[in-house]
N, C-alpha and C. Protein backbone atom coordinates (compact mmCIF):
# COMPACT_ATOMS: atom_id res chain seq x y z
N MET A 1 12.02 8.56 -17.88
CA MET A 1 11.09 7.53 -17.46
C MET A 1 11.22 7.30 -15.95
N HIS A 2 10.12 7.19 -15.27
CA HIS A 2 10.11 7.00 -13.83
C HIS A 2 10.31 5.54 -13.48
N GLU A 3 10.98 5.34 -12.35
CA GLU A 3 11.12 3.98 -11.83
C GLU A 3 9.77 3.47 -11.38
N ARG A 4 9.56 2.20 -11.54
CA ARG A 4 8.30 1.57 -11.15
C ARG A 4 8.17 1.54 -9.63
N ARG A 5 7.02 1.97 -9.13
CA ARG A 5 6.71 1.90 -7.71
C ARG A 5 6.05 0.56 -7.44
N ILE A 6 6.54 -0.14 -6.46
CA ILE A 6 5.93 -1.40 -6.04
C ILE A 6 5.30 -1.15 -4.68
N ILE A 7 3.98 -1.28 -4.63
CA ILE A 7 3.25 -1.03 -3.39
C ILE A 7 2.61 -2.32 -2.93
N ARG A 8 2.95 -2.73 -1.73
CA ARG A 8 2.33 -3.91 -1.12
C ARG A 8 1.38 -3.43 -0.04
N LEU A 9 0.17 -3.90 -0.13
CA LEU A 9 -0.83 -3.55 0.87
C LEU A 9 -1.22 -4.81 1.60
N TYR A 10 -0.91 -4.86 2.88
CA TYR A 10 -1.26 -6.00 3.73
C TYR A 10 -2.59 -5.70 4.42
N ILE A 11 -3.53 -6.62 4.25
CA ILE A 11 -4.86 -6.48 4.85
C ILE A 11 -5.21 -7.74 5.63
N SER A 12 -6.27 -7.66 6.42
CA SER A 12 -6.78 -8.81 7.18
C SER A 12 -8.20 -9.11 6.72
N GLY A 13 -8.34 -9.93 5.71
CA GLY A 13 -9.66 -10.30 5.24
C GLY A 13 -10.38 -9.14 4.56
N VAL A 14 -11.68 -9.33 4.36
CA VAL A 14 -12.50 -8.33 3.67
C VAL A 14 -13.32 -7.57 4.71
N THR A 15 -12.66 -6.61 5.33
CA THR A 15 -13.32 -5.75 6.31
C THR A 15 -13.54 -4.38 5.67
N PRO A 16 -14.39 -3.55 6.24
CA PRO A 16 -14.57 -2.20 5.68
C PRO A 16 -13.25 -1.43 5.59
N ARG A 17 -12.39 -1.54 6.59
CA ARG A 17 -11.09 -0.85 6.54
C ARG A 17 -10.23 -1.37 5.40
N SER A 18 -10.24 -2.69 5.22
CA SER A 18 -9.44 -3.29 4.15
C SER A 18 -9.95 -2.85 2.78
N VAL A 19 -11.26 -2.90 2.60
CA VAL A 19 -11.87 -2.51 1.32
C VAL A 19 -11.55 -1.05 1.01
N ARG A 20 -11.68 -0.17 1.99
CA ARG A 20 -11.39 1.25 1.81
C ARG A 20 -9.92 1.46 1.43
N ALA A 21 -9.02 0.75 2.10
CA ALA A 21 -7.60 0.87 1.80
C ALA A 21 -7.30 0.41 0.37
N VAL A 22 -7.87 -0.71 -0.03
CA VAL A 22 -7.65 -1.23 -1.39
C VAL A 22 -8.18 -0.23 -2.42
N GLU A 23 -9.38 0.29 -2.21
CA GLU A 23 -9.96 1.26 -3.15
C GLU A 23 -9.08 2.50 -3.28
N ASN A 24 -8.59 3.02 -2.16
CA ASN A 24 -7.75 4.21 -2.19
C ASN A 24 -6.43 3.95 -2.92
N LEU A 25 -5.82 2.82 -2.65
CA LEU A 25 -4.55 2.51 -3.30
C LEU A 25 -4.73 2.24 -4.79
N LYS A 26 -5.82 1.60 -5.17
CA LYS A 26 -6.09 1.39 -6.60
C LYS A 26 -6.27 2.72 -7.31
N ALA A 27 -6.97 3.66 -6.68
CA ALA A 27 -7.18 4.98 -7.29
C ALA A 27 -5.85 5.71 -7.46
N ILE A 28 -5.00 5.66 -6.46
CA ILE A 28 -3.70 6.32 -6.55
C ILE A 28 -2.85 5.68 -7.63
N CYS A 29 -2.86 4.36 -7.71
CA CYS A 29 -2.09 3.67 -8.75
C CYS A 29 -2.62 4.00 -10.15
N ARG A 30 -3.93 4.15 -10.29
CA ARG A 30 -4.49 4.55 -11.59
C ARG A 30 -3.95 5.92 -11.99
N GLU A 31 -3.84 6.83 -11.01
CA GLU A 31 -3.31 8.17 -11.28
C GLU A 31 -1.85 8.09 -11.72
N LEU A 32 -1.09 7.18 -11.14
CA LEU A 32 0.33 7.05 -11.46
C LEU A 32 0.56 6.29 -12.76
N GLY A 33 -0.46 5.58 -13.23
CA GLY A 33 -0.35 4.85 -14.48
C GLY A 33 0.50 3.60 -14.36
N GLU A 34 1.20 3.28 -15.43
CA GLU A 34 1.95 2.03 -15.49
C GLU A 34 3.17 2.01 -14.58
N SER A 35 3.52 3.16 -14.00
CA SER A 35 4.69 3.19 -13.12
C SER A 35 4.38 2.66 -11.73
N CYS A 36 3.14 2.21 -11.50
CA CYS A 36 2.73 1.74 -10.18
C CYS A 36 2.22 0.30 -10.26
N GLU A 37 2.72 -0.52 -9.36
CA GLU A 37 2.24 -1.90 -9.26
C GLU A 37 1.73 -2.12 -7.85
N LEU A 38 0.45 -2.47 -7.72
CA LEU A 38 -0.16 -2.71 -6.42
C LEU A 38 -0.31 -4.21 -6.21
N GLU A 39 0.18 -4.67 -5.08
CA GLU A 39 0.03 -6.06 -4.69
C GLU A 39 -0.71 -6.10 -3.36
N VAL A 40 -1.89 -6.72 -3.33
CA VAL A 40 -2.68 -6.83 -2.11
C VAL A 40 -2.46 -8.20 -1.52
N ILE A 41 -2.05 -8.23 -0.25
CA ILE A 41 -1.72 -9.48 0.43
C ILE A 41 -2.60 -9.60 1.67
N ASP A 42 -3.41 -10.64 1.70
CA ASP A 42 -4.25 -10.93 2.86
C ASP A 42 -3.41 -11.77 3.83
N VAL A 43 -3.19 -11.25 5.04
CA VAL A 43 -2.32 -11.95 5.99
C VAL A 43 -2.92 -13.28 6.45
N TYR A 44 -4.24 -13.44 6.33
CA TYR A 44 -4.85 -14.73 6.66
C TYR A 44 -4.49 -15.79 5.63
N GLN A 45 -4.37 -15.38 4.37
CA GLN A 45 -4.06 -16.31 3.30
C GLN A 45 -2.56 -16.49 3.09
N GLN A 46 -1.78 -15.46 3.41
CA GLN A 46 -0.34 -15.51 3.18
C GLN A 46 0.43 -15.01 4.40
N PRO A 47 0.33 -15.70 5.53
CA PRO A 47 0.99 -15.22 6.75
C PRO A 47 2.51 -15.16 6.63
N ARG A 48 3.09 -16.03 5.84
CA ARG A 48 4.55 -16.03 5.68
C ARG A 48 5.04 -14.72 5.05
N ARG A 49 4.30 -14.23 4.05
CA ARG A 49 4.68 -12.96 3.41
C ARG A 49 4.67 -11.82 4.42
N ALA A 50 3.65 -11.80 5.27
CA ALA A 50 3.57 -10.76 6.29
C ALA A 50 4.76 -10.86 7.24
N SER A 51 5.07 -12.06 7.63
CA SER A 51 6.20 -12.28 8.53
C SER A 51 7.52 -11.84 7.89
N GLU A 52 7.70 -12.17 6.63
CA GLU A 52 8.94 -11.81 5.92
C GLU A 52 9.12 -10.30 5.83
N ASP A 53 8.02 -9.56 5.70
CA ASP A 53 8.09 -8.11 5.62
C ASP A 53 7.94 -7.42 6.98
N GLY A 54 7.85 -8.21 8.04
CA GLY A 54 7.76 -7.65 9.39
C GLY A 54 6.44 -6.94 9.67
N VAL A 55 5.36 -7.40 9.04
CA VAL A 55 4.06 -6.79 9.23
C VAL A 55 3.39 -7.38 10.46
N LEU A 56 3.07 -6.54 11.43
CA LEU A 56 2.42 -6.97 12.66
C LEU A 56 1.00 -6.45 12.79
N VAL A 57 0.68 -5.37 12.07
CA VAL A 57 -0.61 -4.71 12.15
C VAL A 57 -1.13 -4.50 10.73
N THR A 58 -2.45 -4.60 10.57
CA THR A 58 -3.03 -4.31 9.27
C THR A 58 -4.08 -3.21 9.43
N PRO A 59 -4.31 -2.44 8.40
CA PRO A 59 -3.59 -2.48 7.13
C PRO A 59 -2.20 -1.85 7.26
N THR A 60 -1.28 -2.39 6.47
CA THR A 60 0.07 -1.86 6.36
C THR A 60 0.41 -1.71 4.89
N LEU A 61 0.95 -0.57 4.55
CA LEU A 61 1.38 -0.31 3.19
C LEU A 61 2.90 -0.25 3.19
N ILE A 62 3.51 -0.97 2.27
CA ILE A 62 4.96 -0.92 2.10
C ILE A 62 5.21 -0.56 0.64
N GLU A 63 5.96 0.52 0.43
CA GLU A 63 6.22 0.97 -0.93
C GLU A 63 7.72 0.99 -1.17
N LYS A 64 8.13 0.44 -2.31
CA LYS A 64 9.54 0.43 -2.68
C LYS A 64 9.68 1.17 -4.00
N SER A 65 10.51 2.22 -3.98
CA SER A 65 10.71 3.03 -5.17
C SER A 65 12.04 3.74 -5.06
N GLN A 66 12.81 3.71 -6.11
CA GLN A 66 14.09 4.41 -6.17
C GLN A 66 14.98 4.09 -4.98
N GLY A 67 15.00 2.83 -4.57
CA GLY A 67 15.85 2.40 -3.48
C GLY A 67 15.36 2.78 -2.09
N VAL A 68 14.19 3.40 -2.01
CA VAL A 68 13.64 3.83 -0.72
C VAL A 68 12.46 2.92 -0.36
N VAL A 69 12.38 2.55 0.93
CA VAL A 69 11.26 1.76 1.41
C VAL A 69 10.47 2.64 2.38
N ARG A 70 9.17 2.76 2.11
CA ARG A 70 8.29 3.54 2.98
C ARG A 70 7.23 2.62 3.56
N ARG A 71 6.84 2.90 4.80
CA ARG A 71 5.78 2.13 5.47
C ARG A 71 4.73 3.09 6.00
N LEU A 72 3.49 2.66 5.87
CA LEU A 72 2.38 3.40 6.46
C LEU A 72 1.50 2.36 7.12
N VAL A 73 1.26 2.53 8.41
CA VAL A 73 0.51 1.54 9.18
C VAL A 73 -0.74 2.19 9.75
N GLY A 74 -1.83 1.44 9.73
CA GLY A 74 -3.06 1.91 10.34
C GLY A 74 -4.10 2.30 9.32
N GLU A 75 -4.95 3.22 9.69
CA GLU A 75 -6.06 3.65 8.86
C GLU A 75 -5.56 4.20 7.53
N LEU A 76 -6.03 3.62 6.44
CA LEU A 76 -5.64 4.07 5.10
C LEU A 76 -6.86 4.58 4.34
N GLY A 77 -7.79 5.18 5.07
CA GLY A 77 -8.99 5.72 4.46
C GLY A 77 -8.83 7.14 3.95
N ASP A 78 -7.75 7.80 4.30
CA ASP A 78 -7.50 9.17 3.90
C ASP A 78 -6.50 9.19 2.76
N ARG A 79 -7.00 9.42 1.56
CA ARG A 79 -6.15 9.38 0.37
C ARG A 79 -5.04 10.44 0.43
N ARG A 80 -5.34 11.59 1.00
CA ARG A 80 -4.32 12.65 1.13
C ARG A 80 -3.15 12.17 1.99
N ARG A 81 -3.46 11.53 3.10
CA ARG A 81 -2.42 10.99 3.99
C ARG A 81 -1.57 9.95 3.27
N ILE A 82 -2.21 9.10 2.48
CA ILE A 82 -1.48 8.07 1.73
C ILE A 82 -0.54 8.73 0.73
N ARG A 83 -1.06 9.70 -0.01
CA ARG A 83 -0.24 10.39 -1.02
C ARG A 83 0.97 11.07 -0.37
N GLN A 84 0.77 11.68 0.79
CA GLN A 84 1.88 12.32 1.49
C GLN A 84 2.91 11.28 1.91
N ALA A 85 2.45 10.16 2.44
CA ALA A 85 3.36 9.10 2.88
C ALA A 85 4.16 8.52 1.72
N LEU A 86 3.58 8.53 0.53
CA LEU A 86 4.26 8.01 -0.65
C LEU A 86 5.16 9.05 -1.30
N GLY A 87 5.16 10.27 -0.74
CA GLY A 87 6.01 11.32 -1.28
C GLY A 87 5.50 11.92 -2.57
N LEU A 88 4.19 11.86 -2.78
CA LEU A 88 3.60 12.43 -3.98
C LEU A 88 3.21 13.87 -3.73
N ALA A 89 3.39 14.72 -4.69
CA ALA A 89 3.19 16.17 -4.52
C ALA A 89 1.76 16.56 -4.25
N ARG A 90 0.83 15.98 -4.99
CA ARG A 90 -0.58 16.37 -4.82
C ARG A 90 -1.15 15.79 -3.54
N GLY A 91 -2.12 16.45 -2.95
CA GLY A 91 -2.73 15.99 -1.72
C GLY A 91 -4.14 15.70 -1.80
């Protein structure tokens, strides 16, 4: 059984970049099934959470899995780039 991946996606409101990032991450989590948990955090609504995780730029993805923390900052419109950053084999 695989360890559960916890993915936090920090966004700034409902912008085209934010929407694209959310759609891409939801699709990747659907592929991973129940082993993936996506949490979308709007920094305008929850600035403290962003501060606690050291998020200065959006969109920012923070993934915690198997004791490893990964960060991906900036444009999240390229699903292949996201998959590579998450250490997933398929591109």
